[in-house]
Protein backbone atom coordinates (compact mmCIF):
# COMPACT_ATOMS: atom_id res chain seq x y z
CA MET A 1 -164.15 81.07 -47.45
CA PRO A 2 -160.94 81.35 -49.51
CA THR A 3 -157.98 79.05 -48.92
CA ARG A 4 -154.58 80.40 -47.85
CA SER A 5 -153.28 79.81 -51.37
CA GLN A 6 -156.13 81.88 -52.77
CA LEU A 7 -155.34 84.68 -50.30
CA TYR A 8 -151.68 84.63 -51.33
CA ALA A 9 -152.60 84.57 -55.01
CA GLN A 10 -155.11 87.40 -54.78
CA ALA A 11 -152.85 89.68 -52.73
CA ALA A 12 -149.83 89.00 -54.95
CA PHE A 13 -151.79 89.59 -58.15
CA GLU A 14 -153.11 92.92 -56.87
CA ALA A 15 -149.60 94.02 -55.87
CA VAL A 16 -147.87 93.00 -59.10
CA SER A 17 -150.60 94.18 -61.46
CA ARG A 18 -150.14 97.75 -60.17
CA HIS A 19 -146.63 97.67 -61.64
CA TYR A 20 -147.49 95.96 -64.91
CA PRO A 21 -150.80 97.25 -66.31
CA GLN A 22 -152.10 95.27 -69.26
CA PRO A 23 -151.70 95.42 -72.20
CA LEU A 24 -148.03 95.77 -71.40
CA LYS A 25 -145.80 97.84 -73.64
CA ALA A 26 -142.02 97.95 -73.26
CA LEU A 27 -140.80 97.78 -69.67
CA ASN A 28 -139.22 100.83 -68.07
CA THR A 29 -136.11 100.59 -65.90
CA SER A 30 -137.93 100.34 -62.58
CA GLN A 31 -140.19 97.58 -63.93
CA LYS A 32 -137.15 95.65 -65.13
CA GLU A 33 -135.43 96.02 -61.74
CA TYR A 34 -138.58 94.93 -59.91
CA ARG A 35 -138.92 91.90 -62.21
CA THR A 36 -135.29 90.88 -61.72
CA PHE A 37 -135.42 91.23 -57.94
CA ALA A 38 -138.79 89.48 -57.60
CA LYS A 39 -137.39 86.50 -59.48
CA LYS A 40 -134.31 86.30 -57.23
CA PHE A 41 -135.79 87.03 -53.80
CA PRO A 42 -137.19 83.55 -52.99
CA SER A 43 -133.77 81.96 -53.50
CA LEU A 44 -132.22 84.73 -51.41
CA ILE A 45 -134.46 83.72 -48.49
CA HIS A 46 -133.37 80.09 -48.99
CA THR A 47 -129.66 80.87 -49.03
CA CYS A 48 -129.37 83.59 -46.36
CA GLY A 49 -132.51 83.42 -44.28
CA LEU A 50 -135.38 85.88 -44.05
CA ALA A 51 -133.81 88.57 -41.86
CA GLN A 52 -130.68 88.77 -44.00
CA ALA A 53 -132.66 88.73 -47.26
CA ILE A 54 -134.81 91.64 -46.07
CA ALA A 55 -131.74 93.54 -44.89
CA PHE A 56 -130.14 93.03 -48.32
CA ALA A 57 -133.28 94.26 -50.07
CA GLU A 58 -133.37 97.35 -47.85
CA ALA A 59 -129.69 98.05 -48.48
CA LYS A 60 -130.16 97.77 -52.24
CA GLY A 61 -133.20 100.06 -52.22
CA HIS A 62 -135.87 97.54 -53.25
CA THR A 63 -138.48 99.33 -51.13
CA GLN A 64 -141.44 98.82 -53.48
CA TYR A 65 -140.85 95.08 -53.60
CA LEU A 66 -140.63 94.96 -49.79
CA ARG A 67 -143.86 96.97 -49.52
CA ASP A 68 -145.62 94.52 -51.81
CA LEU A 69 -144.20 91.55 -49.90
CA ALA A 70 -145.36 93.02 -46.58
CA THR A 71 -148.83 93.62 -48.04
CA VAL A 72 -149.14 89.98 -49.10
CA VAL A 73 -147.85 88.72 -45.74
CA GLN A 74 -150.28 90.97 -43.90
CA ARG A 75 -153.23 89.78 -45.98
CA VAL A 76 -152.56 86.12 -45.12
CA GLY A 77 -152.66 86.58 -41.38
CA TYR A 78 -149.89 88.79 -40.04
CA SER A 79 -152.02 91.76 -39.00
CA GLN A 80 -149.07 93.33 -37.16
CA VAL A 81 -147.29 93.83 -40.51
CA LYS A 82 -148.57 97.21 -41.69
CA GLU A 83 -145.52 98.10 -43.80
CA ALA A 84 -142.13 96.76 -44.87
CA SER A 85 -140.37 98.03 -41.75
CA ASP A 86 -142.72 95.91 -39.60
CA LEU A 87 -141.79 92.81 -41.57
CA ALA A 88 -138.10 93.61 -41.13
CA ARG A 89 -138.54 94.23 -37.40
CA LEU A 90 -140.48 91.00 -36.88
CA SER A 91 -137.86 88.99 -38.75
CA ARG A 92 -135.20 90.31 -36.37
CA GLU A 93 -137.13 90.11 -33.09
CA MET A 94 -139.20 86.90 -33.22
CA GLY A 95 -138.32 83.75 -31.38
CA LEU A 96 -137.12 80.71 -33.32
CA VAL A 97 -140.43 78.91 -33.94
CA PRO A 98 -142.41 82.03 -34.96
CA TYR A 99 -139.43 83.14 -37.10
CA MET A 100 -139.45 79.81 -38.93
CA ARG A 101 -143.18 80.15 -39.62
CA LEU A 102 -142.77 83.77 -40.76
CA SER A 103 -139.91 82.68 -43.02
CA ARG A 104 -142.01 79.93 -44.58
CA ASP A 105 -145.01 82.22 -45.06
CA THR A 106 -142.87 85.02 -46.50
CA LEU A 107 -141.18 82.56 -48.84
CA THR A 108 -144.62 81.49 -50.05
CA ALA A 109 -145.61 85.14 -50.56
CA ALA A 110 -142.38 85.81 -52.47
CA GLY A 111 -143.09 82.77 -54.64
CA TRP A 112 -146.51 84.14 -55.55
CA LEU A 113 -145.05 87.57 -56.36
CA LYS A 114 -142.48 85.84 -58.57
CA ARG A 115 -145.16 83.85 -60.41
CA TYR A 116 -147.21 86.93 -61.20
CA VAL A 117 -144.17 88.95 -62.25
CA GLU A 118 -143.25 86.17 -64.68
CA ALA A 119 -146.81 86.07 -65.98
CA LEU A 120 -147.43 89.82 -66.26
CA ALA A 121 -143.96 91.18 -67.09
CA GLY A 122 -142.74 88.42 -69.36
CA GLU A 123 -139.22 87.11 -69.69
CA GLU A 124 -136.04 89.10 -69.64
CA GLU A 125 -134.54 90.01 -72.99
CA GLY A 126 -131.95 87.49 -74.03
CA GLY A 127 -133.04 85.12 -71.27
C-alpha cells in the first residue's frame, strides 16, 4: 500500500509530465506561465490562505494549474473534488477544522507540483 507522500508524488508527476514531455525542447509560452505560477502558488497559499489563492488563480486564468491541483488533491483522499471548481467551492464552504486540513493537504499537493515542474521544466532563463 503506497504512503500519502507516494500518492502525492505519483499524481503530481502524472499531471506535470503531461505539460513537459521529455526530452524537453524550448518551452512555449503556456509552459513558461505554468512553470512560473506553479513555483509561486505554494507561497500564495501561505500568505493569503487557500480560498483567496484559488480565487486569485481563477481570476488570472490559471485553469490548467487548478485542474492539476484538484486532480492531485482528489487522488489523495478528497473524492468529492472532481474538478477545480469543486476545490474552490470546498475551500469557501468548509468549516474551520476541515478547511485547515484541506489547506494543508492542498499546500502539500502544490509543493509536489512545484517540485516536478522544477525537475521537468528546468529553471527560468536568467534566474
